């Protein structure tokens, strides 16, 4: 298997509501989106929103669990002050702040919010990384 992630798909309670949240953040849905699924190009990855029940059924899993799901999505920013600005933008769009921006033990600055379906997002400034023109994040190869 090649080392690659092609899609990240979140199961959501209401695709239209979730799409509106991300569009309020300034994201643009791709033309392939419809009432059942929304697609957003994020650098080399497609981010998708799909009905939670339908996604669970497709995977052959129970649609609900409890507590922390075991993962967080991350949005890295170019400057430290962008972390707090991005968290404020997410909150204004209807997200819930889980952790305000603060200095991280690894030398960066980070905070967390959840979208209306409870999916956890980290917003981080990492001085060790580089963000490309297409939004892709890379650690320099030394």
N, C-alpha and C. Protein backbone atom coordinates (compact mmCIF):
# COMPACT_ATOMS: atom_id res chain seq x y z
N UNK A 1 0.84 -1.18 0.00
CA UNK A 1 0.00 0.00 0.00
C UNK A 1 0.88 1.24 0.00
N UNK A 2 0.62 2.15 -0.90
CA UNK A 2 1.38 3.40 -0.95
C UNK A 2 1.03 4.28 0.24
N UNK A 3 2.00 5.04 0.73
CA UNK A 3 1.80 5.93 1.87
C UNK A 3 1.07 7.19 1.39
N UNK A 4 -0.27 7.16 1.55
CA UNK A 4 -1.08 8.26 1.03
C UNK A 4 -2.44 8.24 1.69
N UNK A 5 -3.00 9.42 1.96
CA UNK A 5 -4.39 9.57 2.37
C UNK A 5 -5.07 10.34 1.26
N UNK A 6 -6.14 9.79 0.69
CA UNK A 6 -6.83 10.42 -0.44
C UNK A 6 -8.06 11.21 0.00
N UNK A 7 -8.84 10.63 0.90
CA UNK A 7 -10.06 11.26 1.40
C UNK A 7 -10.09 11.20 2.91
N UNK A 8 -10.69 12.19 3.52
CA UNK A 8 -11.11 12.13 4.92
C UNK A 8 -12.60 12.39 4.88
N UNK A 9 -13.39 11.44 5.36
CA UNK A 9 -14.84 11.56 5.33
C UNK A 9 -15.38 11.55 6.75
N UNK A 10 -16.14 12.59 7.08
CA UNK A 10 -16.78 12.67 8.39
C UNK A 10 -18.24 12.28 8.26
N UNK A 11 -18.70 11.44 9.17
CA UNK A 11 -20.12 11.13 9.25
C UNK A 11 -20.81 12.24 10.05
N UNK A 12 -21.83 12.84 9.47
CA UNK A 12 -22.51 13.98 10.10
C UNK A 12 -24.01 13.71 10.21
N UNK A 13 -24.65 14.37 11.18
CA UNK A 13 -26.09 14.20 11.38
C UNK A 13 -26.90 14.82 10.25
N UNK A 14 -26.43 15.94 9.72
CA UNK A 14 -27.17 16.69 8.69
C UNK A 14 -26.15 17.26 7.71
N UNK A 15 -26.09 16.72 6.51
CA UNK A 15 -25.09 17.13 5.52
C UNK A 15 -25.22 18.62 5.19
N UNK A 16 -26.44 19.11 5.00
CA UNK A 16 -26.63 20.53 4.66
C UNK A 16 -26.12 21.44 5.77
N UNK A 17 -26.41 21.11 7.02
CA UNK A 17 -25.95 21.91 8.16
C UNK A 17 -24.43 21.89 8.26
N UNK A 18 -23.85 20.71 8.11
CA UNK A 18 -22.39 20.58 8.20
C UNK A 18 -21.72 21.33 7.04
N UNK A 19 -22.28 21.20 5.84
CA UNK A 19 -21.73 21.92 4.68
C UNK A 19 -21.77 23.42 4.93
N UNK A 20 -22.89 23.91 5.46
CA UNK A 20 -23.04 25.34 5.74
C UNK A 20 -21.99 25.81 6.75
N UNK A 21 -21.70 25.00 7.77
CA UNK A 21 -20.69 25.35 8.76
C UNK A 21 -19.34 25.56 8.08
N UNK A 22 -18.90 24.60 7.28
CA UNK A 22 -17.59 24.71 6.64
C UNK A 22 -17.58 25.83 5.59
N UNK A 23 -18.68 26.04 4.90
CA UNK A 23 -18.74 27.14 3.94
C UNK A 23 -18.70 28.49 4.66
N UNK A 24 -19.26 28.57 5.86
CA UNK A 24 -19.17 29.80 6.66
C UNK A 24 -17.72 30.08 7.04
N UNK A 25 -16.93 29.04 7.17
CA UNK A 25 -15.49 29.20 7.45
C UNK A 25 -14.72 29.62 6.20
N UNK A 26 -15.40 29.69 5.06
CA UNK A 26 -14.75 30.11 3.83
C UNK A 26 -14.37 28.98 2.89
N UNK A 27 -14.73 27.75 3.24
CA UNK A 27 -14.41 26.62 2.37
C UNK A 27 -15.40 26.60 1.20
N UNK A 28 -14.92 26.11 0.04
CA UNK A 28 -15.76 26.05 -1.15
C UNK A 28 -16.01 24.58 -1.51
N UNK A 29 -17.28 24.21 -1.56
CA UNK A 29 -17.63 22.85 -1.94
C UNK A 29 -17.36 22.63 -3.43
N UNK A 30 -16.95 21.43 -3.75
CA UNK A 30 -16.68 21.07 -5.15
C UNK A 30 -18.00 20.83 -5.88
N UNK A 31 -18.01 20.97 -7.21
CA UNK A 31 -19.23 20.77 -8.00
C UNK A 31 -19.79 19.35 -7.90
N UNK A 32 -18.98 18.39 -7.51
CA UNK A 32 -19.44 17.00 -7.37
C UNK A 32 -20.33 16.81 -6.14
N UNK A 33 -20.43 17.82 -5.29
CA UNK A 33 -21.26 17.74 -4.08
C UNK A 33 -22.74 17.70 -4.45
N UNK A 34 -23.53 17.10 -3.56
CA UNK A 34 -24.99 17.08 -3.74
C UNK A 34 -25.63 17.04 -2.36
N UNK A 35 -26.94 16.78 -2.28
CA UNK A 35 -27.62 16.80 -0.98
C UNK A 35 -27.18 15.66 -0.06
N UNK A 36 -26.54 14.64 -0.60
CA UNK A 36 -26.12 13.50 0.21
C UNK A 36 -24.66 13.55 0.65
N UNK A 37 -23.87 14.33 -0.04
CA UNK A 37 -22.43 14.39 0.26
C UNK A 37 -21.88 15.75 -0.17
N UNK A 38 -20.94 16.26 0.62
CA UNK A 38 -20.24 17.49 0.25
C UNK A 38 -18.75 17.19 0.19
N UNK A 39 -18.11 17.68 -0.88
CA UNK A 39 -16.68 17.48 -1.08
C UNK A 39 -15.97 18.83 -1.08
N UNK A 40 -14.80 18.88 -0.43
CA UNK A 40 -13.96 20.07 -0.40
C UNK A 40 -12.54 19.65 -0.73
N UNK A 41 -11.90 20.33 -1.70
CA UNK A 41 -10.51 20.03 -2.02
C UNK A 41 -9.62 20.70 -0.99
N UNK A 42 -8.78 19.94 -0.34
CA UNK A 42 -7.86 20.45 0.70
C UNK A 42 -6.46 20.02 0.33
N UNK A 43 -5.77 20.83 -0.48
CA UNK A 43 -4.46 20.43 -0.96
C UNK A 43 -4.61 19.15 -1.76
N UNK A 44 -3.85 18.13 -1.41
CA UNK A 44 -3.91 16.86 -2.12
C UNK A 44 -4.93 15.88 -1.56
N UNK A 45 -5.76 16.32 -0.63
CA UNK A 45 -6.76 15.45 0.01
C UNK A 45 -8.15 16.02 -0.24
N UNK A 46 -9.12 15.14 -0.43
CA UNK A 46 -10.52 15.56 -0.49
C UNK A 46 -11.13 15.33 0.89
N UNK A 47 -11.74 16.36 1.43
CA UNK A 47 -12.46 16.31 2.70
C UNK A 47 -13.93 16.17 2.36
N UNK A 48 -14.60 15.16 2.93
CA UNK A 48 -15.99 14.89 2.57
C UNK A 48 -16.87 14.85 3.81
N UNK A 49 -18.12 15.25 3.64
CA UNK A 49 -19.16 15.17 4.66
C UNK A 49 -20.24 14.25 4.12
N UNK A 50 -20.59 13.22 4.90
CA UNK A 50 -21.56 12.21 4.46
C UNK A 50 -22.44 11.89 5.64
N UNK A 51 -23.68 11.54 5.41
CA UNK A 51 -24.58 11.19 6.50
C UNK A 51 -23.98 10.12 7.41
N UNK A 52 -24.00 10.37 8.71
CA UNK A 52 -23.39 9.44 9.67
C UNK A 52 -24.01 8.05 9.59
N UNK A 53 -25.32 7.97 9.53
CA UNK A 53 -25.99 6.67 9.46
C UNK A 53 -25.63 5.93 8.18
N UNK A 54 -25.62 6.65 7.07
CA UNK A 54 -25.29 6.03 5.78
C UNK A 54 -23.82 5.59 5.74
N UNK A 55 -22.94 6.39 6.32
CA UNK A 55 -21.52 6.03 6.35
C UNK A 55 -21.28 4.79 7.21
N UNK A 56 -21.93 4.75 8.37
CA UNK A 56 -21.81 3.57 9.24
C UNK A 56 -22.35 2.32 8.55
N UNK A 57 -23.49 2.47 7.89
CA UNK A 57 -24.08 1.33 7.18
C UNK A 57 -23.15 0.85 6.08
N UNK A 58 -22.57 1.79 5.34
CA UNK A 58 -21.65 1.44 4.25
C UNK A 58 -20.45 0.67 4.78
N UNK A 59 -19.97 1.03 5.97
CA UNK A 59 -18.81 0.36 6.56
C UNK A 59 -19.19 -0.89 7.36
N UNK A 60 -20.51 -1.12 7.55
CA UNK A 60 -20.95 -2.27 8.32
C UNK A 60 -20.72 -2.10 9.81
N UNK A 61 -20.84 -0.85 10.32
CA UNK A 61 -20.59 -0.57 11.72
C UNK A 61 -21.81 0.05 12.40
N UNK A 62 -21.83 0.02 13.73
CA UNK A 62 -22.86 0.71 14.50
C UNK A 62 -22.65 2.21 14.31
N UNK A 63 -23.72 2.99 14.19
CA UNK A 63 -23.58 4.41 13.89
C UNK A 63 -23.16 5.30 15.05
N UNK A 64 -23.23 4.82 16.28
CA UNK A 64 -22.93 5.69 17.41
C UNK A 64 -22.01 5.02 18.41
N UNK A 65 -21.13 5.81 18.97
CA UNK A 65 -20.25 5.39 20.04
C UNK A 65 -20.25 6.48 21.08
N UNK A 66 -19.49 6.31 22.12
CA UNK A 66 -19.47 7.32 23.18
C UNK A 66 -18.06 7.80 23.43
N UNK A 67 -17.94 9.05 23.89
CA UNK A 67 -16.65 9.60 24.29
C UNK A 67 -15.78 10.02 23.13
N UNK A 68 -14.52 10.20 23.40
CA UNK A 68 -13.55 10.64 22.40
C UNK A 68 -13.40 9.58 21.34
N UNK A 69 -13.43 10.02 20.08
CA UNK A 69 -13.38 9.08 18.96
C UNK A 69 -11.98 8.54 18.69
N UNK A 70 -10.98 9.11 19.33
CA UNK A 70 -9.63 8.59 19.15
C UNK A 70 -8.82 9.31 18.08
N UNK A 71 -9.38 10.36 17.47
CA UNK A 71 -8.60 11.10 16.49
C UNK A 71 -9.06 12.56 16.46
N UNK A 72 -8.18 13.38 15.93
CA UNK A 72 -8.50 14.80 15.72
C UNK A 72 -7.96 15.19 14.36
N UNK A 73 -8.70 16.02 13.68
CA UNK A 73 -8.23 16.62 12.44
C UNK A 73 -7.38 17.83 12.82
N UNK A 74 -6.50 18.25 11.94
CA UNK A 74 -5.66 19.41 12.26
C UNK A 74 -5.65 20.39 11.11
N UNK A 75 -5.67 21.66 11.48
CA UNK A 75 -5.53 22.76 10.52
C UNK A 75 -4.34 23.58 11.00
N UNK A 76 -3.25 23.52 10.25
CA UNK A 76 -2.07 24.29 10.62
C UNK A 76 -2.10 25.66 9.95
N UNK A 77 -1.60 26.64 10.66
CA UNK A 77 -1.58 28.02 10.16
C UNK A 77 -0.14 28.50 10.03
N UNK A 78 0.04 29.59 9.27
CA UNK A 78 1.38 30.09 8.96
C UNK A 78 1.99 30.93 10.08
N UNK A 79 1.15 31.60 10.87
CA UNK A 79 1.62 32.49 11.92
C UNK A 79 0.93 32.16 13.24
N UNK A 80 1.63 32.36 14.35
CA UNK A 80 1.11 32.02 15.68
C UNK A 80 -0.23 32.70 15.96
N UNK A 81 -0.37 33.98 15.61
CA UNK A 81 -1.61 34.71 15.93
C UNK A 81 -2.81 34.22 15.13
N UNK A 82 -2.56 33.46 14.07
CA UNK A 82 -3.66 32.92 13.28
C UNK A 82 -4.42 31.82 14.04
N UNK A 83 -3.79 31.20 15.03
CA UNK A 83 -4.47 30.16 15.81
C UNK A 83 -5.69 30.74 16.50
N UNK A 84 -5.50 31.82 17.25
CA UNK A 84 -6.62 32.43 17.98
C UNK A 84 -7.67 32.99 17.02
N UNK A 85 -7.23 33.58 15.91
CA UNK A 85 -8.17 34.12 14.93
C UNK A 85 -9.00 33.01 14.30
N UNK A 86 -8.38 31.87 14.01
CA UNK A 86 -9.09 30.74 13.41
C UNK A 86 -10.07 30.12 14.40
N UNK A 87 -9.67 30.01 15.66
CA UNK A 87 -10.57 29.51 16.69
C UNK A 87 -11.79 30.42 16.83
N UNK A 88 -11.57 31.73 16.80
CA UNK A 88 -12.68 32.69 16.89
C UNK A 88 -13.61 32.56 15.69
N UNK A 89 -13.04 32.35 14.52
CA UNK A 89 -13.84 32.18 13.31
C UNK A 89 -14.70 30.91 13.41
N UNK A 90 -14.11 29.83 13.91
CA UNK A 90 -14.85 28.58 14.07
C UNK A 90 -15.98 28.75 15.07
N UNK A 91 -15.72 29.45 16.16
CA UNK A 91 -16.75 29.68 17.17
C UNK A 91 -17.89 30.53 16.60
N UNK A 92 -17.55 31.57 15.85
CA UNK A 92 -18.57 32.43 15.23
C UNK A 92 -19.42 31.68 14.22
N UNK A 93 -18.84 30.64 13.59
CA UNK A 93 -19.56 29.84 12.61
C UNK A 93 -20.45 28.78 13.26
N UNK A 94 -20.36 28.62 14.58
CA UNK A 94 -21.19 27.63 15.27
C UNK A 94 -20.41 26.49 15.89
N UNK A 95 -19.07 26.55 15.82
CA UNK A 95 -18.25 25.53 16.47
C UNK A 95 -18.15 25.78 17.96
N UNK A 96 -17.66 24.79 18.68
CA UNK A 96 -17.50 24.89 20.14
C UNK A 96 -16.00 24.87 20.46
N UNK A 97 -15.54 25.86 21.21
CA UNK A 97 -14.13 25.88 21.60
C UNK A 97 -13.92 24.84 22.70
N UNK A 98 -12.99 23.92 22.46
CA UNK A 98 -12.66 22.89 23.43
C UNK A 98 -11.45 23.27 24.27
N UNK A 99 -10.53 24.01 23.65
CA UNK A 99 -9.31 24.46 24.34
C UNK A 99 -8.83 25.72 23.63
N UNK A 100 -8.74 26.79 24.37
CA UNK A 100 -8.24 28.05 23.82
C UNK A 100 -6.77 27.88 23.43
N UNK A 101 -6.29 28.76 22.55
CA UNK A 101 -4.91 28.71 22.12
C UNK A 101 -3.94 28.84 23.28
N UNK A 102 -2.90 28.03 23.26
CA UNK A 102 -1.88 28.09 24.30
C UNK A 102 -0.57 27.52 23.76
N UNK A 103 0.52 27.88 24.42
CA UNK A 103 1.83 27.36 24.03
C UNK A 103 1.85 25.85 24.25
N UNK A 104 2.44 25.14 23.30
CA UNK A 104 2.51 23.68 23.36
C UNK A 104 3.90 23.25 23.82
N UNK A 105 3.98 22.10 24.46
CA UNK A 105 5.24 21.58 24.97
C UNK A 105 6.28 21.38 23.88
N UNK A 106 5.83 21.19 22.63
CA UNK A 106 6.75 20.93 21.53
C UNK A 106 7.22 22.20 20.81
N UNK A 107 6.87 23.37 21.35
CA UNK A 107 7.38 24.62 20.81
C UNK A 107 6.42 25.40 19.93
N UNK A 108 5.25 24.87 19.69
CA UNK A 108 4.27 25.56 18.87
C UNK A 108 3.19 26.21 19.71
N UNK A 109 2.08 26.50 19.08
CA UNK A 109 0.94 27.13 19.74
C UNK A 109 -0.30 26.47 19.16
N UNK A 110 -1.22 26.04 20.03
CA UNK A 110 -2.33 25.21 19.55
C UNK A 110 -3.59 25.40 20.38
N UNK A 111 -4.74 25.14 19.77
CA UNK A 111 -6.04 25.13 20.43
C UNK A 111 -6.94 24.16 19.71
N UNK A 112 -8.13 23.91 20.30
CA UNK A 112 -9.05 22.93 19.73
C UNK A 112 -10.47 23.47 19.68
N UNK A 113 -11.21 23.06 18.62
CA UNK A 113 -12.64 23.31 18.54
C UNK A 113 -13.32 22.06 18.01
N UNK A 114 -14.62 21.98 18.19
CA UNK A 114 -15.38 20.90 17.56
C UNK A 114 -16.41 21.52 16.63
N UNK A 115 -16.70 20.81 15.54
CA UNK A 115 -17.72 21.27 14.61
C UNK A 115 -19.10 20.92 15.18
N UNK A 116 -20.19 21.29 14.51
CA UNK A 116 -21.53 21.01 15.08
C UNK A 116 -21.84 19.53 15.33
N UNK A 117 -21.08 18.63 14.71
CA UNK A 117 -21.29 17.20 14.95
C UNK A 117 -20.33 16.63 15.98
N UNK A 118 -19.52 17.50 16.58
CA UNK A 118 -18.60 17.05 17.62
C UNK A 118 -17.25 16.57 17.13
N UNK A 119 -16.97 16.69 15.82
CA UNK A 119 -15.66 16.29 15.31
C UNK A 119 -14.61 17.28 15.80
N UNK A 120 -13.53 16.75 16.33
CA UNK A 120 -12.49 17.56 16.97
C UNK A 120 -11.47 18.04 15.93
N UNK A 121 -11.19 19.34 15.99
CA UNK A 121 -10.19 19.98 15.14
C UNK A 121 -9.14 20.65 16.02
N UNK A 122 -7.89 20.40 15.72
CA UNK A 122 -6.80 21.14 16.33
C UNK A 122 -6.42 22.26 15.36
N UNK A 123 -6.20 23.45 15.88
CA UNK A 123 -5.64 24.55 15.09
C UNK A 123 -4.25 24.79 15.66
N UNK A 124 -3.23 24.69 14.81
CA UNK A 124 -1.87 24.73 15.32
C UNK A 124 -0.95 25.58 14.46
N UNK A 125 -0.02 26.24 15.14
CA UNK A 125 1.13 26.87 14.50
C UNK A 125 2.33 26.05 14.91
N UNK A 126 3.04 25.52 13.92
CA UNK A 126 4.21 24.69 14.18
C UNK A 126 5.42 25.35 13.52
N UNK A 127 6.31 25.95 14.30
CA UNK A 127 7.45 26.65 13.72
C UNK A 127 8.44 25.72 13.01
N UNK A 128 8.27 24.41 13.16
CA UNK A 128 9.17 23.46 12.53
C UNK A 128 8.71 23.05 11.14
N UNK A 129 7.49 23.45 10.74
CA UNK A 129 6.94 23.03 9.47
C UNK A 129 6.79 24.16 8.48
N UNK A 130 6.48 23.80 7.26
CA UNK A 130 6.29 24.75 6.17
C UNK A 130 4.94 24.46 5.53
N UNK A 131 4.16 25.52 5.29
CA UNK A 131 2.88 25.37 4.60
C UNK A 131 3.07 25.87 3.17
N UNK A 132 2.77 25.01 2.21
CA UNK A 132 2.92 25.35 0.80
C UNK A 132 1.80 26.25 0.30
N UNK A 133 1.95 26.74 -0.91
CA UNK A 133 0.94 27.61 -1.53
C UNK A 133 -0.40 26.91 -1.64
N UNK A 134 -0.40 25.58 -1.78
CA UNK A 134 -1.65 24.82 -1.89
C UNK A 134 -2.23 24.44 -0.53
N UNK A 135 -1.60 24.89 0.56
CA UNK A 135 -2.08 24.58 1.90
C UNK A 135 -1.50 23.32 2.50
N UNK A 136 -0.69 22.60 1.74
CA UNK A 136 -0.11 21.36 2.25
C UNK A 136 0.94 21.67 3.31
N UNK A 137 1.02 20.81 4.31
CA UNK A 137 1.99 20.96 5.40
C UNK A 137 3.11 19.97 5.19
N UNK A 138 4.32 20.43 5.40
CA UNK A 138 5.49 19.55 5.28
C UNK A 138 6.51 19.88 6.36
N UNK A 139 7.15 18.84 6.86
CA UNK A 139 8.33 19.04 7.68
C UNK A 139 9.51 19.08 6.73
N UNK A 140 10.43 20.03 6.89
CA UNK A 140 11.60 20.08 6.01
C UNK A 140 12.42 18.80 6.16
N UNK A 141 12.96 18.36 5.04
CA UNK A 141 13.82 17.18 5.05
C UNK A 141 15.25 17.64 5.25
N UNK A 142 15.83 17.34 6.40
CA UNK A 142 17.22 17.76 6.70
C UNK A 142 18.14 16.59 6.65
